[in-house]
């Protein structure tokens, strides 16, 4: 009877090697008889046991290693940790809305997340960078007014500066007022005044002269409403008298895209226009930095996290469309 090679039978068999060897007595004897004496002795048994045991162990190790890799992939996908080298990836970018939080148990206890400095989350249609407070310095960001807040939104004029969401709209108003003051000083004004105005909310329009004017348009009656802009709040935000001097061209930051301010600077710097007074109304929503669509998503995130407050971001963005800075300047 032709003897079969043991390696032909069990090579690659892995955990099923013992079953294969034990199918028939004849095959077992032929396979195990390593010293070719036609019988099984301890030398043969020891050889095969060691070989099969090694194969089974390697197979088991491979399975466990694969399981560990799968577990690691699942953890990375679910917890989305951010590591220091993540910041250097070409596809990494800071979200406009960020969350500063304490390191929680999921990232403390999980070995896959050891060394993480934050994590990504997808909530309310936004991909958010969540930063562990103990790792803030690694991100290289500046936070206004400090790091004691939980939610921040990016400064529209400085990608590395984030403003606490609770302070955002007040900060933007103050920044605009301060910039208008610097413009007046640089242009050599003798007097300037900034008045903060908030347009009154109207739920209906008054008809002209108390009655609706009606005209016919292709057989349909059309009512013409006339309304006058009225303001519920008037507040002098800044006012100053100065000696005046030759103009120096200001550097605009928050008002860099405001055509009326750019026109004022052009006229003053060119010297072609002999004017002494200039008044302009600046709509704050034009340079606030938060779009209404993003504000709605932020509200959804805050609601999902059960964050309670006395206002919504979307309402504040809508309110900004009713807020103005009236700028009066004299030379």
Protein backbone atom coordinates (compact mmCIF):
# COMPACT_ATOMS: atom_id res chain seq x y z
CA UNK A 1 0.00 0.00 0.00
CA UNK A 2 1.40 3.33 -1.02
CA UNK A 3 2.11 5.51 1.95
CA UNK A 4 0.59 9.02 1.88
CA UNK A 5 2.62 11.99 2.98
CA UNK A 6 1.40 13.44 6.28
CA UNK A 7 1.91 17.00 5.04
CA UNK A 8 -0.33 16.37 2.03
CA UNK A 9 -3.17 15.47 4.36
CA UNK A 10 -2.94 18.11 7.07
CA UNK A 11 -1.21 21.06 5.49
CA UNK A 12 -3.73 23.91 5.48
CA UNK A 13 -6.31 21.84 7.33
CA UNK A 14 -6.12 24.00 10.45
CA UNK A 15 -8.66 23.17 13.11
CA UNK A 16 -10.10 20.27 10.99
CA UNK A 17 -6.78 18.43 10.75
CA UNK A 18 -7.58 15.92 13.50
CA UNK A 19 -10.93 15.02 11.89
CA UNK A 20 -9.25 14.45 8.56
CA UNK A 21 -6.60 12.21 10.09
CA UNK A 22 -9.16 10.14 11.94
CA UNK A 23 -11.51 9.26 9.02
CA UNK A 24 -10.30 5.69 8.63
CA UNK A 25 -7.90 3.46 10.47
CA UNK A 26 -5.94 2.68 7.33
CA UNK A 27 -5.54 6.31 6.40
CA UNK A 28 -4.65 7.12 9.97
CA UNK A 29 -1.96 4.44 10.17
CA UNK A 30 -0.52 5.37 6.78
CA UNK A 31 -0.59 8.99 7.61
CA UNK A 32 0.80 8.76 11.12
CA UNK A 33 3.42 6.05 10.49
CA UNK A 34 6.25 8.53 10.20
CA UNK A 35 9.05 5.96 10.75
CA UNK A 36 7.59 3.63 8.05
CA UNK A 37 7.32 0.50 10.26
CA UNK A 38 3.63 -0.17 9.49
CA UNK A 39 2.40 0.61 12.98
CA UNK A 40 1.73 3.58 15.20
CA UNK A 41 4.17 4.20 17.96
CA UNK A 42 4.75 7.05 20.40
CA UNK A 43 7.30 8.71 18.15
CA UNK A 44 4.68 9.00 15.39
CA UNK A 45 1.99 10.25 17.79
CA UNK A 46 4.23 12.87 19.35
CA UNK A 47 5.29 14.16 15.95
CA UNK A 48 1.73 14.57 14.65
CA UNK A 49 0.38 15.96 17.92
CA UNK A 50 3.03 18.63 17.95
CA UNK A 51 2.48 19.48 14.28
CA UNK A 52 -1.31 19.58 14.43
CA UNK A 53 -1.25 21.42 17.75
CA UNK A 54 0.98 24.08 16.24
CA UNK A 55 -1.30 24.39 13.22
CA UNK A 56 -4.41 24.68 15.39
CA UNK A 57 -2.73 27.23 17.66
CA UNK A 58 -1.68 29.36 14.69
CA UNK A 59 -5.17 29.15 13.27
CA UNK A 60 -6.69 30.17 16.58
CA UNK A 61 -4.23 33.02 16.93
CA UNK A 62 -5.12 34.21 13.44
CA UNK A 63 -8.82 34.13 14.27
CA UNK A 64 -8.26 36.06 17.50
CA UNK A 65 -6.06 38.56 15.73
CA UNK A 66 -8.73 39.04 13.08
CA UNK A 67 -11.36 39.46 15.77
CA UNK A 68 -9.23 42.09 17.49
CA UNK A 69 -8.80 43.97 14.23
CA UNK A 70 -12.54 43.85 13.60
CA UNK A 71 -13.25 45.08 17.11
CA UNK A 72 -10.75 47.89 16.67
CA UNK A 73 -12.33 48.92 13.36
CA UNK A 74 -15.79 48.93 14.94
CA UNK A 75 -14.59 51.06 17.87
CA UNK A 76 -12.85 53.53 15.57
CA UNK A 77 -15.96 53.78 13.43
CA UNK A 78 -18.33 54.26 16.36
CA UNK A 79 -16.27 56.52 18.64
CA UNK A 80 -14.39 58.38 15.86
CA UNK A 81 -11.45 59.41 18.08
CA UNK A 82 -9.14 62.22 17.02
CA UNK A 83 -5.41 61.76 17.65
CA UNK A 84 -2.64 64.38 17.44
CA UNK A 85 -1.52 63.14 14.01
CA UNK A 86 -5.13 63.40 12.76
CA UNK A 87 -4.65 67.18 12.71
CA UNK A 88 -1.96 66.76 10.04
CA UNK A 89 -4.14 64.77 7.64
CA UNK A 90 -4.87 66.57 4.37
CA UNK A 91 -8.59 65.89 4.68
CA UNK A 92 -8.87 67.18 8.26
CA UNK A 93 -10.53 70.54 8.86
CA UNK A 94 -11.91 72.14 11.98
CA UNK A 95 -15.66 72.42 12.05
CA UNK A 96 -17.12 75.93 12.40
CA UNK A 97 -19.08 74.76 15.42
CA UNK A 98 -17.04 72.99 18.11
CA UNK A 99 -17.78 71.33 21.44
CA UNK A 100 -15.32 71.50 24.34
CA UNK A 101 -15.93 68.66 26.78
CA UNK A 102 -14.35 66.60 29.52
CA UNK A 103 -12.84 63.24 28.59
CA UNK A 104 -15.51 60.62 29.30
CA UNK A 105 -15.36 56.94 30.28
CA UNK A 106 -15.67 55.65 26.71
CA UNK A 107 -12.35 57.24 25.78
CA UNK A 108 -10.63 56.70 29.12
CA UNK A 109 -11.25 52.95 29.38
CA UNK A 110 -10.99 51.93 25.73
CA UNK A 111 -7.44 51.04 24.74
CA UNK A 112 -8.17 51.85 21.10
CA UNK A 113 -8.81 55.47 22.13
CA UNK A 114 -5.73 55.87 24.32
CA UNK A 115 -3.91 59.08 23.37
CA UNK A 116 -6.98 60.61 21.70
CA UNK A 117 -7.47 64.38 22.03
CA UNK A 118 -11.10 64.54 20.97
CA UNK A 119 -13.56 62.91 18.63
CA UNK A 120 -15.81 63.55 15.64
CA UNK A 121 -19.58 63.35 15.88
CA UNK A 122 -22.31 63.71 13.30
CA UNK A 123 -25.37 65.35 14.80
CA UNK A 124 -28.21 67.38 13.36
CA UNK A 125 -26.65 67.34 9.90
CA UNK A 126 -23.35 68.77 11.19
CA UNK A 127 -19.98 67.07 11.50
CA UNK A 128 -18.58 68.42 14.75
CA UNK A 129 -15.10 68.40 16.26
CA UNK A 130 -15.42 67.61 19.97
CA UNK A 131 -12.30 68.62 21.90
CA UNK A 132 -11.23 67.19 25.24
CA UNK A 133 -10.58 70.13 27.52
CA UNK A 134 -7.26 68.67 28.69
CA UNK A 135 -6.07 68.64 25.05
CA UNK A 136 -7.13 72.14 23.95
CA UNK A 137 -3.57 73.41 23.56
CA UNK A 138 -2.80 70.74 20.95
CA UNK A 139 -5.39 72.22 18.57
CA UNK A 140 -3.75 75.65 18.66
CA UNK A 141 -7.03 77.58 18.94
CA UNK A 142 -7.86 80.74 20.86
CA UNK A 143 -11.22 80.84 22.64
CA UNK A 144 -13.19 83.96 23.55
CA UNK A 145 -13.72 84.97 26.28
CA UNK A 146 -12.06 81.87 27.79
CA UNK A 147 -12.30 78.07 27.80
CA UNK A 148 -15.06 77.82 30.41
CA UNK A 149 -17.84 77.41 27.86
CA UNK A 150 -19.01 74.26 26.13
CA UNK A 151 -19.97 75.40 22.62
CA UNK A 152 -18.13 77.79 20.32
CA UNK A 153 -18.52 79.12 16.78
CA UNK A 154 -15.68 80.26 14.57
CA UNK A 155 -14.86 83.94 14.24
CA UNK A 156 -15.69 84.80 10.59
CA UNK A 157 -12.50 86.87 10.34
CA UNK A 158 -10.08 84.46 12.04
CA UNK A 159 -10.19 80.71 11.39
CA UNK A 160 -8.20 79.93 14.56
CA UNK A 161 -10.38 81.99 16.89
CA UNK A 162 -13.63 80.63 18.31
CA UNK A 163 -16.26 82.63 20.18
CA UNK A 164 -18.44 81.13 22.91
CA UNK A 165 -21.91 80.62 21.45
CA UNK A 166 -23.48 82.40 24.45
CA UNK A 167 -21.38 85.49 23.70
CA UNK A 168 -21.32 85.32 19.91
CA UNK A 169 -23.90 87.91 18.88
CA UNK A 170 -22.88 90.41 21.57
CA UNK A 171 -19.24 89.96 20.53
CA UNK A 172 -20.06 90.63 16.88
CA UNK A 173 -21.99 93.80 17.72
CA UNK A 174 -19.13 95.10 19.89
CA UNK A 175 -16.53 94.22 17.24
CA UNK A 176 -18.44 96.20 14.61
CA UNK A 177 -18.80 99.23 16.88
CA UNK A 178 -15.10 99.17 17.76
CA UNK A 179 -14.14 98.93 14.10
CA UNK A 180 -16.33 101.94 13.21
CA UNK A 181 -14.58 103.88 15.96
CA UNK A 182 -11.17 103.01 14.51
CA UNK A 183 -12.35 104.01 11.03
CA UNK A 184 -13.36 107.43 12.36
CA UNK A 185 -10.02 107.88 14.10
CA UNK A 186 -7.97 106.80 11.07
CA UNK A 187 -9.93 108.99 8.68
CA UNK A 188 -9.36 112.04 10.89
CA UNK A 189 -12.98 112.64 11.89
CA UNK A 190 -13.92 115.42 14.32
CA UNK A 191 -17.00 113.60 15.56
CA UNK A 192 -18.69 110.26 15.14
CA UNK A 193 -21.66 108.45 16.63
CA UNK A 194 -22.80 104.84 16.35
CA UNK A 195 -26.44 104.14 17.21
CA UNK A 196 -27.67 100.60 17.69
CA UNK A 197 -31.17 100.14 16.25
CA UNK A 198 -33.46 97.12 16.29
CA UNK A 199 -36.39 97.07 13.93
CA UNK A 200 -39.73 96.45 15.54
CA UNK A 201 -41.40 93.12 14.81
CA UNK A 202 -44.61 93.56 12.77
CA UNK A 203 -47.22 90.83 12.58
CA UNK A 204 -49.38 92.82 10.17
CA UNK A 205 -49.03 95.84 7.93
CA UNK A 206 -50.98 99.05 8.38
CA UNK A 207 -52.98 100.07 5.36
CA UNK A 208 -52.25 103.43 3.78
CA UNK A 209 -54.29 106.13 5.58
CA UNK A 210 -55.90 103.37 7.62
CA UNK A 211 -57.58 101.91 4.57
CA UNK A 212 -56.48 99.50 1.91
CA UNK A 213 -55.83 100.97 -1.51
CA UNK A 214 -57.37 98.67 -4.05
CA UNK A 215 -56.57 98.52 -7.74
CA UNK A 216 -57.57 96.09 -10.43
CA UNK A 217 -54.93 93.95 -12.05
CA UNK A 218 -56.25 91.77 -14.88
CA UNK A 219 -59.57 91.48 -13.14
CA UNK A 220 -58.12 90.76 -9.68
CA UNK A 221 -58.32 93.20 -6.83
CA UNK A 222 -54.93 93.96 -5.28
CA UNK A 223 -54.51 95.60 -1.88
CA UNK A 224 -51.51 97.91 -1.54
CA UNK A 225 -49.97 98.12 1.95
CA UNK A 226 -47.64 100.90 3.00
CA UNK A 227 -45.42 100.51 6.04
CA UNK A 228 -42.80 102.62 7.74
CA UNK A 229 -39.77 101.09 9.36
CA UNK A 230 -40.03 101.55 13.10
CA UNK A 231 -37.46 100.65 15.70
CA UNK A 232 -38.17 99.19 19.11
CA UNK A 233 -34.69 99.98 20.41
CA UNK A 234 -32.40 102.95 19.97
CA UNK A 235 -29.13 102.95 21.86
CA UNK A 236 -26.03 105.07 21.37
CA UNK A 237 -23.29 102.46 21.28
CA UNK A 238 -20.37 104.88 20.84
CA UNK A 239 -19.80 108.61 20.37
CA UNK A 240 -16.69 110.75 20.42
CA UNK A 241 -15.35 114.23 19.59
CA UNK A 242 -11.82 114.40 18.23
CA UNK A 243 -9.36 117.01 16.99
CA UNK A 244 -9.27 115.69 13.42
CA UNK A 245 -6.23 115.13 11.19
CA UNK A 246 -5.18 114.07 7.70
CA UNK A 247 -6.65 110.68 6.84
CA UNK A 248 -4.85 107.35 7.16
CA UNK A 249 -6.42 104.48 5.24
CA UNK A 250 -8.09 102.12 7.73
CA UNK A 251 -7.68 98.36 7.60
CA UNK A 252 -11.10 96.75 7.63
CA UNK A 253 -11.77 93.38 9.25
CA UNK A 254 -15.43 92.82 10.07
CA UNK A 255 -16.60 95.47 7.59
CA UNK A 256 -14.25 94.46 4.78
CA UNK A 257 -17.20 93.63 2.49
CA UNK A 258 -19.44 96.55 3.40
CA UNK A 259 -19.72 98.74 0.28
CA UNK A 260 -20.94 101.84 2.14
CA UNK A 261 -17.91 101.88 4.47
CA UNK A 262 -15.54 101.16 1.61
CA UNK A 263 -17.10 104.06 -0.32
CA UNK A 264 -16.66 106.37 2.69
CA UNK A 265 -12.98 105.46 2.90
CA UNK A 266 -12.52 105.93 -0.84
CA UNK A 267 -14.08 109.39 -0.81
CA UNK A 268 -12.08 110.53 2.21
CA UNK A 269 -8.77 109.14 0.96
CA UNK A 270 -9.15 110.40 -2.62
CA UNK A 271 -9.81 113.99 -1.53
CA UNK A 272 -11.93 114.42 -4.65
CA UNK A 273 -15.11 114.85 -2.68
CA UNK A 274 -15.43 117.82 -0.36
CA UNK A 275 -17.85 116.49 2.23
CA UNK A 276 -18.17 117.04 5.94
CA UNK A 277 -20.96 114.70 7.01
CA UNK A 278 -21.68 111.09 6.20
CA UNK A 279 -24.42 108.81 7.55
CA UNK A 280 -24.88 105.14 6.73
CA UNK A 281 -26.93 102.26 8.13
CA UNK A 282 -25.14 98.94 8.50
CA UNK A 283 -27.15 95.71 8.70
CA UNK A 284 -25.50 93.39 11.21
CA UNK A 285 -26.70 90.18 9.54
CA UNK A 286 -24.53 90.94 6.50
CA UNK A 287 -21.39 90.07 8.44
CA UNK A 288 -22.55 87.98 11.40
CA UNK A 289 -21.01 84.79 10.05
CA UNK A 290 -23.72 82.25 10.94
CA UNK A 291 -26.11 81.30 8.17
CA UNK A 292 -29.70 80.54 9.08
CA UNK A 293 -29.40 77.01 7.66
CA UNK A 294 -26.40 76.33 9.93
CA UNK A 295 -28.20 77.90 12.89
CA UNK A 296 -31.05 75.42 12.49
CA UNK A 297 -28.56 72.54 12.50
CA UNK A 298 -26.87 73.88 15.63
CA UNK A 299 -30.26 74.08 17.35
CA UNK A 300 -30.87 70.44 16.42
CA UNK A 301 -27.52 69.47 17.96
CA UNK A 302 -28.24 71.35 21.20
CA UNK A 303 -31.69 69.82 21.39
CA UNK A 304 -30.27 66.33 20.84
CA UNK A 305 -27.79 66.90 23.67
CA UNK A 306 -30.64 68.17 25.86
CA UNK A 307 -28.96 71.55 26.33
CA UNK A 308 -31.44 73.98 27.84
CA UNK A 309 -31.32 77.71 27.16
CA UNK A 310 -33.60 80.72 26.90
CA UNK A 311 -33.01 81.29 23.18
CA UNK A 312 -32.26 79.46 19.96
CA UNK A 313 -29.45 80.23 17.55
CA UNK A 314 -31.85 80.36 14.60
CA UNK A 315 -33.99 82.98 16.33
CA UNK A 316 -30.93 85.10 17.05
CA UNK A 317 -29.84 84.89 13.41
CA UNK A 318 -33.32 86.04 12.37
CA UNK A 319 -33.12 88.87 14.89
CA UNK A 320 -29.81 89.98 13.38
CA UNK A 321 -31.65 90.76 10.14
CA UNK A 322 -33.57 93.42 12.12
CA UNK A 323 -30.52 94.96 13.78
CA UNK A 324 -28.61 97.93 12.41
CA UNK A 325 -25.77 100.23 13.32
CA UNK A 326 -26.38 103.80 12.18
CA UNK A 327 -23.03 105.47 11.60
CA UNK A 328 -22.72 109.26 11.59
CA UNK A 329 -19.33 110.82 10.95
CA UNK A 330 -18.19 114.45 10.59
CA UNK A 331 -14.92 115.88 9.25
